[in-house]
Protein backbone atom coordinates (compact mmCIF):
# COMPACT_ATOMS: atom_id res chain seq x y z
CA MET A 1 7.86 -15.22 -25.42
CA ASP A 2 4.47 -13.63 -24.94
CA LYS A 3 2.27 -16.14 -23.22
CA VAL A 4 -1.45 -15.72 -23.69
CA VAL A 5 -3.69 -17.85 -21.52
CA LYS A 6 -7.06 -18.59 -23.05
CA GLY A 7 -10.17 -20.17 -21.70
CA PRO A 8 -11.84 -23.34 -23.02
CA GLY A 9 -12.42 -23.27 -26.75
CA GLY A 10 -9.80 -20.57 -27.25
CA THR A 11 -12.06 -17.72 -26.13
CA GLY A 12 -10.93 -14.83 -23.97
CA GLY A 13 -7.33 -14.24 -23.10
CA VAL A 14 -4.92 -12.63 -20.73
CA ASP A 15 -1.43 -11.60 -21.81
CA LEU A 16 0.63 -12.72 -18.80
CA HIS A 17 3.83 -11.17 -20.13
CA GLN A 18 2.21 -7.72 -20.38
CA THR A 19 0.61 -8.11 -16.94
CA LEU A 20 3.95 -8.98 -15.33
CA ASP A 21 5.60 -6.03 -17.10
CA ASP A 22 2.92 -3.69 -15.75
CA ILE A 23 3.34 -5.02 -12.20
CA SER A 24 7.13 -4.76 -12.46
CA SER A 25 7.09 -1.16 -13.70
CA THR A 26 4.62 -0.15 -10.98
CA MET A 27 6.76 -1.76 -8.28
CA GLU A 28 9.86 -0.02 -9.63
CA SER A 29 8.17 3.38 -9.46
CA PHE A 30 7.04 2.73 -5.87
CA LEU A 31 10.48 1.52 -4.80
CA GLU A 32 12.11 4.52 -6.48
CA THR A 33 10.24 6.62 -3.92
CA ALA A 34 12.11 4.86 -1.11
CA SER A 35 15.57 5.45 -2.56
CA VAL A 36 18.30 7.16 -0.53
CA ASP A 37 17.93 10.22 -2.79
CA ARG A 38 14.47 10.70 -1.31
CA VAL A 39 15.68 10.24 2.29
CA TYR A 40 18.44 12.84 2.27
CA GLY A 41 17.68 16.17 0.60
CA ALA A 42 20.12 18.31 -1.33
CA PRO A 43 22.70 19.92 0.97
CA ILE A 44 22.24 23.61 1.68
CA GLU A 45 25.45 25.56 2.24
CA VAL A 46 25.49 28.70 4.40
CA GLY A 47 29.03 29.95 4.71
CA THR A 48 31.08 27.08 6.17
CA THR A 49 27.97 25.29 7.46
CA LYS A 50 26.27 22.55 5.47
CA ILE A 51 22.65 21.59 6.28
CA ILE A 52 21.21 18.28 5.04
CA PRO A 53 17.50 17.50 5.58
CA ALA A 54 16.57 13.88 6.33
CA ALA A 55 13.16 12.27 5.90
CA GLU A 56 11.42 9.02 6.68
CA ASN A 57 9.76 7.33 3.72
CA LEU A 58 7.16 4.58 3.88
CA VAL A 59 6.04 2.68 0.80
CA ILE A 60 2.99 0.44 1.01
CA MET A 61 1.77 -1.56 -1.96
CA GLY A 62 -0.29 -4.57 -2.79
CA PHE A 63 -1.44 -6.46 -5.84
CA GLY A 64 -4.01 -9.13 -6.47
CA ALA A 65 -5.39 -11.08 -9.35
CA GLY A 66 -8.06 -13.65 -9.92
CA GLY A 67 -9.55 -15.66 -12.68
CA GLY A 68 -11.73 -18.56 -13.45
CA TYR A 69 -13.28 -20.65 -16.13
CA GLY A 70 -15.79 -23.41 -16.11
CA SER A 71 -18.73 -24.88 -17.92
CA THR A 72 -22.33 -25.66 -17.05
CA ASP A 73 -24.47 -28.63 -17.99
CA PHE A 74 -27.95 -27.50 -16.99
CA GLU A 75 -30.68 -29.14 -19.00
CA SER A 76 -33.56 -27.00 -20.09
CA THR A 77 -37.08 -28.27 -20.73
CA GLU A 78 -37.55 -25.74 -23.49
CA GLU A 79 -35.96 -26.02 -26.92
CA LYS A 80 -34.27 -22.67 -26.51
CA SER A 81 -32.64 -22.04 -23.18
CA PRO A 82 -33.12 -18.66 -21.56
CA PRO A 83 -29.94 -16.64 -21.06
CA GLY A 84 -27.84 -17.98 -18.19
CA GLU A 85 -29.09 -21.54 -18.49
CA GLY A 86 -28.00 -24.46 -20.57
CA THR A 87 -24.60 -25.67 -21.64
CA GLY A 88 -21.97 -23.03 -21.94
CA GLU A 89 -18.48 -21.97 -21.18
CA GLY A 90 -17.43 -19.88 -18.22
CA GLY A 91 -15.28 -16.84 -17.95
CA GLY A 92 -13.77 -14.47 -15.47
CA GLY A 93 -10.61 -12.72 -14.60
CA GLY A 94 -9.49 -9.57 -12.93
CA GLY A 95 -6.75 -7.92 -11.08
CA GLY A 96 -5.82 -4.80 -9.29
CA GLY A 97 -3.32 -3.10 -7.17
CA GLY A 98 -2.65 -0.03 -5.24
CA GLY A 99 -0.24 1.67 -3.00
CA ARG A 100 0.69 4.71 -1.04
CA THR A 101 3.88 6.53 -0.23
CA LEU A 102 4.29 8.60 2.90
CA SER A 103 7.17 10.92 3.68
CA ARG A 104 7.88 13.14 6.67
CA PRO A 105 10.92 15.07 7.88
CA VAL A 106 12.69 13.49 10.85
CA ALA A 107 16.02 15.28 11.27
CA ILE A 108 18.45 17.90 10.06
CA VAL A 109 22.14 17.06 9.76
CA ILE A 110 24.31 20.12 10.46
CA ALA A 111 27.97 19.92 9.44
CA THR A 112 30.29 22.72 10.58
CA PRO A 113 34.09 22.96 10.80
CA ASP A 114 33.67 22.12 14.53
CA GLY A 115 31.84 18.84 13.87
CA VAL A 116 28.61 17.21 12.79
CA ARG A 117 25.39 17.10 14.79
CA VAL A 118 21.93 15.77 14.12
CA GLU A 119 18.93 17.78 15.26
CA PRO A 120 15.62 15.87 15.36
CA VAL A 121 12.55 17.49 13.85
CA ALA A 122 9.67 17.41 16.33
CA ASP A 123 6.43 16.41 14.68
CA ARG A 124 3.87 18.38 16.71
CA THR A 125 0.93 16.57 15.14
CA LYS A 126 2.30 13.20 16.20
CA VAL A 127 2.96 14.42 19.76
CA ILE A 128 -0.54 15.91 20.04
CA MET A 129 -2.15 12.72 18.69
CA ALA A 130 -0.19 10.63 21.18
CA ALA A 131 -1.32 12.91 24.03
CA ILE A 132 -4.97 12.68 22.95
CA THR A 133 -4.72 8.89 22.69
CA ALA A 134 -3.12 8.59 26.13
CA ALA A 135 -5.73 10.91 27.67
CA GLY A 136 -8.54 8.89 26.10
CA PHE A 137 -7.05 5.65 27.40
CA VAL A 138 -6.70 7.07 30.94
CA ALA A 139 -10.28 8.44 30.87
CA GLY A 140 -11.62 5.11 29.62
CA MET A 141 -9.80 3.16 32.30
CA PHE A 142 -10.98 5.60 34.99
CA LEU A 143 -14.61 5.18 33.87
CA ARG A 144 -14.24 1.42 33.75
CA MET A 145 -12.75 1.30 37.24
CA SER A 146 -15.50 3.54 38.65
CA ARG A 147 -18.18 1.10 37.37
CA TRP A 148 -16.42 -1.95 38.80
CA PRO A 149 -18.62 -3.93 41.25
CA LYS A 150 -17.87 -2.93 44.84
CA SER A 151 -18.31 -6.46 46.22
CA LEU A 152 -16.98 -9.66 44.79
């Protein structure tokens, strides 16, 4: 059931079945990254304590496609039309996609005979970036307020 779409006059062609298979396999590989196996790491046993790392996974993906066909009916005053002028068939087509996967540790699950506890993993980079952003916002607001007109 391979469906090939061709332009006017039977020229050109895009195998839609193959394109959909390619998109499907790419999506499957991206979604495989977000599986539960990727979120919880292999347990590490130390004596009677079991440690399980946990991560946050983010999968971003997008696809696009385009196409076109048409014909022109320009009349030329010369017997032979220069390239790009005269009657002809159109063309076109294209597609693309991309994606990104991000993963970062967020917690450690510690299981002991006394119970289970979850210890968060502090992401220093995220904390520092939040502090810089907040400081920049405060400085910007302070400068804006100091330039405010004194009389209204």
